[in-house]
């Protein structure tokens, strides 16, 4: 998702597109086909792209961790 952000994509729209398109791609076994789903691909729909100004602002935003440090410590203590 960080790579999507750095490539000027709306992260949610990109993820929704990948998760809806990729499972239905009957050519996915072709060599190099998976490249069309990578965040830097020219085949990413325009609906997934941010405007240049919004992309610049998004790139400056810090990445939020999926699990905060306190939760991670609790998980490790209990394992």
Protein backbone atom coordinates (compact mmCIF):
# COMPACT_ATOMS: atom_id res chain seq x y z
CA UNK A 1 0.00 0.00 0.00
CA UNK A 2 2.93 2.32 0.61
CA UNK A 3 4.08 1.71 -2.96
CA UNK A 4 0.59 2.50 -4.21
CA UNK A 5 0.66 5.77 -2.29
CA UNK A 6 4.10 6.64 -3.66
CA UNK A 7 2.82 5.96 -7.18
CA UNK A 8 0.01 8.48 -6.77
CA UNK A 9 -2.81 5.99 -6.30
CA UNK A 10 -5.85 6.15 -4.10
CA UNK A 11 -4.91 3.20 -1.91
CA UNK A 12 -8.46 2.02 -1.25
CA UNK A 13 -9.56 2.31 -4.89
CA UNK A 14 -6.40 0.51 -6.03
CA UNK A 15 -6.85 -2.34 -3.55
CA UNK A 16 -10.53 -2.72 -4.48
CA UNK A 17 -9.59 -2.84 -8.17
CA UNK A 18 -6.85 -5.44 -7.64
CA UNK A 19 -9.09 -7.62 -5.46
CA UNK A 20 -11.95 -7.49 -7.95
CA UNK A 21 -9.96 -7.85 -11.18
CA UNK A 22 -7.11 -10.19 -10.36
CA UNK A 23 -9.20 -13.23 -9.28
CA UNK A 24 -11.18 -13.00 -12.52
CA UNK A 25 -8.17 -12.65 -14.83
CA UNK A 26 -8.13 -15.86 -16.89
CA UNK A 27 -4.71 -14.91 -18.33
CA UNK A 28 -2.97 -14.59 -14.97
CA UNK A 29 -0.84 -17.66 -15.67
CA UNK A 30 0.80 -15.90 -18.66
CA UNK A 31 4.37 -14.75 -18.09
CA UNK A 32 4.44 -11.12 -16.97
CA UNK A 33 0.66 -10.80 -16.70
CA UNK A 34 0.82 -10.02 -12.99
CA UNK A 35 2.78 -6.86 -13.85
CA UNK A 36 -0.45 -5.15 -14.89
CA UNK A 37 -1.55 -5.17 -11.25
CA UNK A 38 1.58 -3.58 -9.81
CA UNK A 39 1.17 0.02 -8.56
CA UNK A 40 3.46 1.48 -11.23
CA UNK A 41 1.64 -0.18 -14.13
CA UNK A 42 0.19 1.99 -16.89
CA UNK A 43 -2.83 -0.35 -16.85
CA UNK A 44 -4.10 0.88 -13.47
CA UNK A 45 -7.46 2.57 -14.16
CA UNK A 46 -7.63 6.34 -14.00
CA UNK A 47 -10.28 5.99 -11.26
CA UNK A 48 -7.52 4.67 -8.98
CA UNK A 49 -5.21 7.62 -9.57
CA UNK A 50 -4.98 10.75 -7.47
CA UNK A 51 -4.61 14.18 -8.99
CA UNK A 52 -0.98 15.39 -8.98
CA UNK A 53 -1.64 17.77 -6.07
CA UNK A 54 -3.37 15.09 -3.97
CA UNK A 55 -0.66 12.55 -4.81
CA UNK A 56 2.02 14.99 -3.64
CA UNK A 57 0.16 15.58 -0.38
CA UNK A 58 -0.47 11.84 0.14
CA UNK A 59 3.22 11.04 -0.34
CA UNK A 60 4.03 13.34 2.59
CA UNK A 61 1.59 11.61 4.96
CA UNK A 62 3.11 9.17 7.45
CA UNK A 63 2.27 5.52 7.05
CA UNK A 64 0.08 4.21 9.82
CA UNK A 65 1.03 0.87 11.27
CA UNK A 66 -1.48 -1.93 10.96
CA UNK A 67 -0.80 -2.93 14.56
CA UNK A 68 0.34 -0.37 17.10
CA UNK A 69 3.39 -1.05 19.27
CA UNK A 70 1.39 -1.65 22.46
CA UNK A 71 -0.78 -4.29 20.79
CA UNK A 72 2.29 -5.93 19.30
CA UNK A 73 3.98 -6.06 22.71
CA UNK A 74 0.85 -7.66 24.22
CA UNK A 75 0.78 -10.27 21.45
CA UNK A 76 4.46 -11.10 21.98
CA UNK A 77 4.08 -11.31 25.75
CA UNK A 78 1.20 -13.77 25.40
CA UNK A 79 2.86 -16.03 22.85
